[in-house]
N, C-alpha and C. Protein backbone atom coordinates (compact mmCIF):
# COMPACT_ATOMS: atom_id res chain seq x y z
N MET A 1 29.40 -47.85 -3.29
CA MET A 1 30.60 -48.02 -2.49
C MET A 1 31.85 -47.96 -3.35
N HIS A 2 31.68 -48.20 -4.65
CA HIS A 2 32.79 -48.08 -5.61
C HIS A 2 34.04 -48.84 -5.19
N GLY A 3 33.86 -50.02 -4.58
CA GLY A 3 35.00 -50.84 -4.21
C GLY A 3 35.68 -50.46 -2.92
N HIS A 4 35.19 -49.44 -2.24
CA HIS A 4 35.79 -49.03 -0.97
C HIS A 4 35.07 -49.70 0.19
N PRO A 5 35.81 -50.11 1.21
CA PRO A 5 35.14 -50.69 2.37
C PRO A 5 34.36 -49.60 3.12
N VAL A 6 33.14 -49.90 3.48
CA VAL A 6 32.31 -48.93 4.20
C VAL A 6 31.61 -49.62 5.36
N VAL A 7 31.21 -48.83 6.32
CA VAL A 7 30.40 -49.32 7.44
C VAL A 7 29.17 -48.44 7.49
N TRP A 8 28.01 -49.05 7.44
CA TRP A 8 26.75 -48.31 7.55
C TRP A 8 26.39 -48.26 9.02
N ARG A 9 26.34 -47.07 9.57
CA ARG A 9 25.99 -46.88 10.98
C ARG A 9 24.57 -46.34 11.03
N PRO A 10 23.61 -47.20 11.34
CA PRO A 10 22.21 -46.78 11.31
C PRO A 10 21.89 -45.79 12.42
N GLY A 11 20.90 -44.93 12.14
CA GLY A 11 20.42 -43.98 13.13
C GLY A 11 18.93 -44.15 13.32
N THR A 12 18.46 -43.82 14.52
CA THR A 12 17.04 -43.99 14.82
C THR A 12 16.35 -42.69 15.15
N ASP A 13 17.01 -41.59 14.91
CA ASP A 13 16.41 -40.30 15.25
C ASP A 13 16.22 -39.46 13.99
N HIS A 14 15.82 -40.10 12.91
CA HIS A 14 15.62 -39.39 11.65
C HIS A 14 14.56 -38.30 11.82
N ALA A 15 14.69 -37.28 11.00
CA ALA A 15 13.73 -36.17 11.01
C ALA A 15 13.61 -35.57 12.39
N GLY A 16 14.72 -35.13 12.94
CA GLY A 16 14.76 -34.60 14.30
C GLY A 16 13.73 -33.52 14.59
N ILE A 17 13.49 -32.62 13.64
CA ILE A 17 12.50 -31.57 13.87
C ILE A 17 11.11 -32.17 13.91
N ALA A 18 10.86 -33.16 13.06
CA ALA A 18 9.56 -33.83 13.08
C ALA A 18 9.36 -34.54 14.42
N THR A 19 10.42 -35.19 14.91
CA THR A 19 10.34 -35.87 16.20
C THR A 19 10.05 -34.86 17.30
N GLN A 20 10.75 -33.73 17.26
CA GLN A 20 10.53 -32.68 18.26
C GLN A 20 9.09 -32.21 18.23
N THR A 21 8.56 -32.02 17.04
CA THR A 21 7.18 -31.55 16.89
C THR A 21 6.21 -32.57 17.47
N VAL A 22 6.43 -33.86 17.19
CA VAL A 22 5.56 -34.91 17.71
C VAL A 22 5.65 -34.96 19.24
N VAL A 23 6.84 -34.87 19.79
CA VAL A 23 7.01 -34.91 21.25
C VAL A 23 6.34 -33.71 21.89
N GLU A 24 6.51 -32.53 21.32
CA GLU A 24 5.86 -31.34 21.87
C GLU A 24 4.35 -31.48 21.82
N ARG A 25 3.83 -32.02 20.71
CA ARG A 25 2.39 -32.24 20.60
C ARG A 25 1.93 -33.26 21.65
N HIS A 26 2.71 -34.33 21.82
CA HIS A 26 2.40 -35.37 22.81
C HIS A 26 2.35 -34.78 24.23
N LEU A 27 3.24 -33.85 24.50
CA LEU A 27 3.31 -33.22 25.83
C LEU A 27 2.34 -32.05 25.96
N ASN A 28 1.61 -31.75 24.88
CA ASN A 28 0.69 -30.60 24.85
C ASN A 28 1.41 -29.29 25.15
N LEU A 29 2.58 -29.13 24.56
CA LEU A 29 3.35 -27.89 24.77
C LEU A 29 2.97 -26.87 23.72
N ARG A 30 2.81 -25.64 24.14
CA ARG A 30 2.58 -24.55 23.19
C ARG A 30 3.92 -24.05 22.65
N SER A 31 4.96 -24.17 23.45
CA SER A 31 6.27 -23.69 23.06
C SER A 31 7.33 -24.50 23.77
N ARG A 32 8.44 -24.80 23.07
CA ARG A 32 9.50 -25.56 23.72
C ARG A 32 10.16 -24.73 24.82
N SER A 33 10.03 -23.40 24.74
CA SER A 33 10.62 -22.56 25.78
C SER A 33 9.92 -22.76 27.12
N PHE A 34 8.68 -23.26 27.08
CA PHE A 34 7.94 -23.52 28.31
C PHE A 34 8.63 -24.62 29.11
N LEU A 35 9.09 -25.65 28.44
CA LEU A 35 9.73 -26.79 29.09
C LEU A 35 11.21 -26.55 29.32
N GLY A 36 11.85 -25.84 28.43
CA GLY A 36 13.29 -25.63 28.50
C GLY A 36 14.02 -26.64 27.64
N ARG A 37 15.16 -26.24 27.09
CA ARG A 37 15.90 -27.08 26.14
C ARG A 37 16.32 -28.41 26.75
N ASP A 38 16.93 -28.38 27.93
CA ASP A 38 17.44 -29.63 28.52
C ASP A 38 16.32 -30.62 28.81
N SER A 39 15.21 -30.13 29.37
CA SER A 39 14.08 -31.02 29.67
C SER A 39 13.46 -31.55 28.38
N LEU A 40 13.39 -30.70 27.35
CA LEU A 40 12.84 -31.16 26.08
C LEU A 40 13.72 -32.25 25.47
N LEU A 41 15.05 -32.08 25.54
CA LEU A 41 15.95 -33.10 25.03
C LEU A 41 15.79 -34.42 25.77
N VAL A 42 15.53 -34.37 27.07
CA VAL A 42 15.27 -35.59 27.86
C VAL A 42 14.01 -36.27 27.34
N GLU A 43 12.97 -35.49 27.07
CA GLU A 43 11.72 -36.06 26.56
C GLU A 43 11.90 -36.64 25.16
N ILE A 44 12.68 -35.97 24.31
CA ILE A 44 12.95 -36.47 22.97
C ILE A 44 13.72 -37.78 23.06
N GLU A 45 14.70 -37.84 23.94
CA GLU A 45 15.46 -39.08 24.13
C GLU A 45 14.55 -40.20 24.62
N ARG A 46 13.64 -39.91 25.53
CA ARG A 46 12.69 -40.91 26.02
C ARG A 46 11.83 -41.42 24.86
N TRP A 47 11.38 -40.51 24.02
CA TRP A 47 10.55 -40.87 22.85
C TRP A 47 11.36 -41.77 21.90
N ARG A 48 12.61 -41.41 21.66
CA ARG A 48 13.47 -42.20 20.78
C ARG A 48 13.68 -43.60 21.34
N GLU A 49 13.87 -43.70 22.64
CA GLU A 49 14.05 -45.02 23.27
C GLU A 49 12.80 -45.88 23.07
N MET A 50 11.62 -45.26 23.14
CA MET A 50 10.37 -46.01 22.98
C MET A 50 10.12 -46.42 21.54
N TYR A 51 10.36 -45.49 20.60
CA TYR A 51 9.93 -45.71 19.22
C TYR A 51 11.07 -45.85 18.20
N GLY A 52 12.30 -45.53 18.57
CA GLY A 52 13.41 -45.58 17.62
C GLY A 52 13.67 -46.95 17.06
N GLY A 53 13.42 -48.00 17.84
CA GLY A 53 13.65 -49.36 17.37
C GLY A 53 12.80 -49.72 16.16
N ARG A 54 11.70 -49.04 15.98
CA ARG A 54 10.84 -49.30 14.82
C ARG A 54 11.61 -49.10 13.52
N ILE A 55 12.44 -48.08 13.48
CA ILE A 55 13.21 -47.79 12.27
C ILE A 55 14.15 -48.96 11.97
N LEU A 56 14.85 -49.47 13.00
CA LEU A 56 15.76 -50.58 12.79
C LEU A 56 15.01 -51.83 12.33
N ARG A 57 13.85 -52.10 12.92
CA ARG A 57 13.05 -53.27 12.50
C ARG A 57 12.57 -53.11 11.06
N GLN A 58 12.17 -51.91 10.67
CA GLN A 58 11.75 -51.68 9.29
C GLN A 58 12.92 -51.90 8.34
N MET A 59 14.10 -51.44 8.72
CA MET A 59 15.28 -51.62 7.88
C MET A 59 15.61 -53.11 7.72
N GLU A 60 15.48 -53.87 8.80
CA GLU A 60 15.74 -55.31 8.73
C GLU A 60 14.75 -55.99 7.77
N ARG A 61 13.48 -55.61 7.87
CA ARG A 61 12.47 -56.21 6.99
C ARG A 61 12.74 -55.90 5.52
N MET A 62 13.37 -54.76 5.27
CA MET A 62 13.70 -54.40 3.89
C MET A 62 15.00 -55.07 3.43
N GLY A 63 15.65 -55.78 4.33
CA GLY A 63 16.86 -56.50 3.96
C GLY A 63 18.15 -55.72 4.11
N SER A 64 18.16 -54.70 4.95
CA SER A 64 19.38 -53.91 5.11
C SER A 64 20.46 -54.73 5.80
N SER A 65 21.69 -54.34 5.57
CA SER A 65 22.82 -55.03 6.19
C SER A 65 23.49 -54.17 7.25
N ALA A 66 22.78 -53.18 7.75
CA ALA A 66 23.34 -52.31 8.79
C ALA A 66 23.44 -53.08 10.09
N ASP A 67 24.48 -52.80 10.85
CA ASP A 67 24.69 -53.45 12.13
C ASP A 67 24.08 -52.60 13.24
N PRO A 68 22.98 -53.06 13.85
CA PRO A 68 22.33 -52.26 14.91
C PRO A 68 23.25 -51.95 16.08
N ALA A 69 24.28 -52.78 16.28
CA ALA A 69 25.22 -52.53 17.38
C ALA A 69 26.05 -51.27 17.13
N LYS A 70 26.07 -50.79 15.89
CA LYS A 70 26.84 -49.60 15.54
C LYS A 70 25.95 -48.38 15.38
N GLU A 71 24.78 -48.43 15.97
CA GLU A 71 23.83 -47.34 15.86
C GLU A 71 24.43 -46.04 16.39
N TYR A 72 24.13 -44.97 15.68
CA TYR A 72 24.54 -43.62 16.10
C TYR A 72 23.32 -42.80 16.42
N TYR A 73 23.47 -41.89 17.34
CA TYR A 73 22.39 -40.98 17.71
C TYR A 73 22.84 -39.57 17.33
N THR A 74 22.13 -38.97 16.40
CA THR A 74 22.54 -37.69 15.82
C THR A 74 22.69 -36.59 16.87
N LEU A 75 21.87 -36.62 17.91
CA LEU A 75 21.94 -35.56 18.92
C LEU A 75 23.06 -35.78 19.93
N SER A 76 23.87 -36.83 19.77
CA SER A 76 25.00 -37.01 20.68
C SER A 76 25.97 -35.85 20.47
N LYS A 77 26.69 -35.51 21.51
CA LYS A 77 27.61 -34.37 21.44
C LYS A 77 28.65 -34.57 20.34
N LYS A 78 29.20 -35.78 20.25
CA LYS A 78 30.25 -36.06 19.27
C LYS A 78 29.74 -35.84 17.84
N LEU A 79 28.56 -36.37 17.54
CA LEU A 79 28.02 -36.22 16.19
C LEU A 79 27.60 -34.79 15.90
N SER A 80 26.99 -34.12 16.86
CA SER A 80 26.57 -32.73 16.65
C SER A 80 27.76 -31.85 16.32
N GLU A 81 28.86 -32.04 17.05
CA GLU A 81 30.06 -31.25 16.77
C GLU A 81 30.62 -31.58 15.38
N GLY A 82 30.60 -32.86 15.00
CA GLY A 82 31.09 -33.27 13.69
C GLY A 82 30.26 -32.67 12.57
N VAL A 83 28.95 -32.63 12.75
CA VAL A 83 28.07 -32.04 11.74
C VAL A 83 28.38 -30.55 11.60
N GLY A 84 28.58 -29.87 12.72
CA GLY A 84 28.92 -28.45 12.67
C GLY A 84 30.22 -28.21 11.92
N ARG A 85 31.24 -29.01 12.21
CA ARG A 85 32.53 -28.87 11.51
C ARG A 85 32.37 -29.14 10.02
N ALA A 86 31.58 -30.17 9.67
CA ALA A 86 31.39 -30.51 8.26
C ALA A 86 30.72 -29.37 7.51
N PHE A 87 29.69 -28.75 8.10
CA PHE A 87 29.01 -27.65 7.43
C PHE A 87 29.94 -26.46 7.25
N VAL A 88 30.74 -26.15 8.26
CA VAL A 88 31.69 -25.04 8.13
C VAL A 88 32.68 -25.32 7.01
N LYS A 89 33.20 -26.55 6.96
CA LYS A 89 34.17 -26.91 5.91
C LYS A 89 33.53 -26.83 4.53
N LEU A 90 32.34 -27.39 4.38
CA LEU A 90 31.65 -27.35 3.09
C LEU A 90 31.38 -25.90 2.65
N HIS A 91 31.04 -25.04 3.61
CA HIS A 91 30.79 -23.63 3.29
C HIS A 91 32.08 -22.95 2.86
N GLN A 92 33.16 -23.22 3.59
CA GLN A 92 34.45 -22.61 3.24
C GLN A 92 34.93 -23.05 1.87
N GLU A 93 34.59 -24.28 1.47
CA GLU A 93 35.00 -24.79 0.17
C GLU A 93 34.03 -24.39 -0.94
N GLY A 94 32.99 -23.63 -0.59
CA GLY A 94 32.03 -23.16 -1.58
C GLY A 94 31.07 -24.23 -2.07
N LEU A 95 30.96 -25.33 -1.34
CA LEU A 95 30.09 -26.43 -1.76
C LEU A 95 28.66 -26.26 -1.26
N ILE A 96 28.48 -25.49 -0.22
CA ILE A 96 27.14 -25.12 0.24
C ILE A 96 27.14 -23.62 0.49
N TYR A 97 25.97 -23.02 0.50
CA TYR A 97 25.89 -21.59 0.67
C TYR A 97 24.61 -21.21 1.40
N ARG A 98 24.60 -20.01 1.91
CA ARG A 98 23.40 -19.46 2.52
C ARG A 98 22.74 -18.54 1.53
N SER A 99 21.42 -18.51 1.55
CA SER A 99 20.70 -17.67 0.62
C SER A 99 19.36 -17.29 1.22
N THR A 100 18.72 -16.34 0.61
CA THR A 100 17.39 -15.96 1.02
C THR A 100 16.39 -16.81 0.26
N ARG A 101 15.59 -17.58 0.98
CA ARG A 101 14.61 -18.46 0.37
C ARG A 101 13.34 -18.45 1.23
N MET A 102 12.24 -18.81 0.61
CA MET A 102 10.99 -18.97 1.33
C MET A 102 11.09 -20.26 2.14
N VAL A 103 10.74 -20.19 3.41
CA VAL A 103 10.76 -21.38 4.26
C VAL A 103 9.42 -21.50 4.99
N ASN A 104 9.14 -22.70 5.46
CA ASN A 104 7.95 -22.95 6.27
C ASN A 104 8.34 -22.75 7.72
N TRP A 105 8.18 -21.53 8.22
CA TRP A 105 8.60 -21.21 9.58
C TRP A 105 7.45 -21.48 10.54
N SER A 106 7.74 -22.22 11.61
CA SER A 106 6.75 -22.48 12.64
C SER A 106 7.04 -21.58 13.83
N VAL A 107 6.10 -20.72 14.14
CA VAL A 107 6.24 -19.85 15.30
C VAL A 107 6.25 -20.69 16.57
N ASN A 108 5.40 -21.73 16.61
CA ASN A 108 5.33 -22.59 17.81
C ASN A 108 6.62 -23.36 18.03
N ALA A 109 7.16 -23.97 16.98
CA ALA A 109 8.38 -24.77 17.11
C ALA A 109 9.63 -23.89 17.12
N GLY A 110 9.52 -22.66 16.61
CA GLY A 110 10.66 -21.76 16.56
C GLY A 110 11.72 -22.23 15.58
N THR A 111 11.29 -22.89 14.49
CA THR A 111 12.23 -23.42 13.51
C THR A 111 11.54 -23.59 12.17
N ALA A 112 12.34 -23.87 11.15
CA ALA A 112 11.78 -24.16 9.83
C ALA A 112 11.34 -25.62 9.78
N LEU A 113 10.28 -25.89 9.03
CA LEU A 113 9.76 -27.24 8.89
C LEU A 113 9.81 -27.67 7.43
N SER A 114 9.90 -28.98 7.21
CA SER A 114 9.89 -29.49 5.84
C SER A 114 8.46 -29.48 5.31
N GLU A 115 8.33 -29.65 4.00
CA GLU A 115 7.00 -29.65 3.37
C GLU A 115 6.07 -30.70 3.96
N ILE A 116 6.61 -31.88 4.33
CA ILE A 116 5.74 -32.94 4.85
C ILE A 116 5.24 -32.65 6.26
N GLU A 117 5.84 -31.67 6.93
CA GLU A 117 5.42 -31.32 8.28
C GLU A 117 4.42 -30.17 8.30
N VAL A 118 4.10 -29.65 7.13
CA VAL A 118 3.26 -28.46 7.04
C VAL A 118 1.84 -28.83 6.66
N VAL A 119 0.89 -28.26 7.39
CA VAL A 119 -0.52 -28.39 7.03
C VAL A 119 -0.89 -27.09 6.35
N THR A 120 -1.21 -27.18 5.06
CA THR A 120 -1.53 -25.99 4.28
C THR A 120 -2.98 -25.60 4.51
N ASN A 121 -3.19 -24.32 4.72
CA ASN A 121 -4.54 -23.81 4.94
C ASN A 121 -4.70 -22.56 4.07
N GLU A 122 -5.41 -22.72 2.97
CA GLU A 122 -5.64 -21.60 2.06
C GLU A 122 -6.63 -20.62 2.70
N VAL A 123 -6.33 -19.35 2.61
CA VAL A 123 -7.23 -18.33 3.13
C VAL A 123 -7.57 -17.36 2.01
N GLY A 124 -8.76 -16.84 2.06
CA GLY A 124 -9.20 -15.90 1.04
C GLY A 124 -8.82 -14.48 1.41
N PRO A 125 -9.00 -13.54 0.47
CA PRO A 125 -8.63 -12.14 0.71
C PRO A 125 -9.40 -11.53 1.87
N GLU A 126 -10.59 -12.04 2.15
CA GLU A 126 -11.38 -11.46 3.24
C GLU A 126 -10.74 -11.70 4.61
N SER A 127 -9.82 -12.68 4.70
CA SER A 127 -9.20 -12.96 5.99
C SER A 127 -7.87 -12.26 6.17
N GLN A 128 -7.40 -11.54 5.12
CA GLN A 128 -6.13 -10.84 5.22
C GLN A 128 -6.28 -9.57 6.05
N LEU A 129 -5.21 -9.23 6.73
CA LEU A 129 -5.23 -8.00 7.51
C LEU A 129 -5.20 -6.80 6.59
N GLU A 130 -5.90 -5.75 7.00
CA GLU A 130 -5.84 -4.53 6.20
C GLU A 130 -4.57 -3.79 6.51
N GLY A 131 -3.88 -3.34 5.46
CA GLY A 131 -2.58 -2.70 5.66
C GLY A 131 -2.71 -1.26 5.57
């Protein structure tokens, strides 16, 4: 904090893509396009309401001083717009950049996944397609 006053606003929707993946699995969805974006967001919000409090309780047990009354939800319109503006500003200032990199792309989720969300399955040359 370096002597500056700060307010820690806890969030309960960490790892949004992981949450989406869990909700889709829970609903037995093959694709989020089957349900539609708005309906999927309703289901994700329902899931967060059921399980999001666990994060706050874990933080309390670890001795955090965050005020649960100041909780923020990342998918709220206000925060989503702020995140978008921040990324544009950081890009314009040259602090972040786009590049070509290997990613863990999920065809089912239609998005990139983190390493902890990936189940690695090694395949031998006999399973490769002939080109």
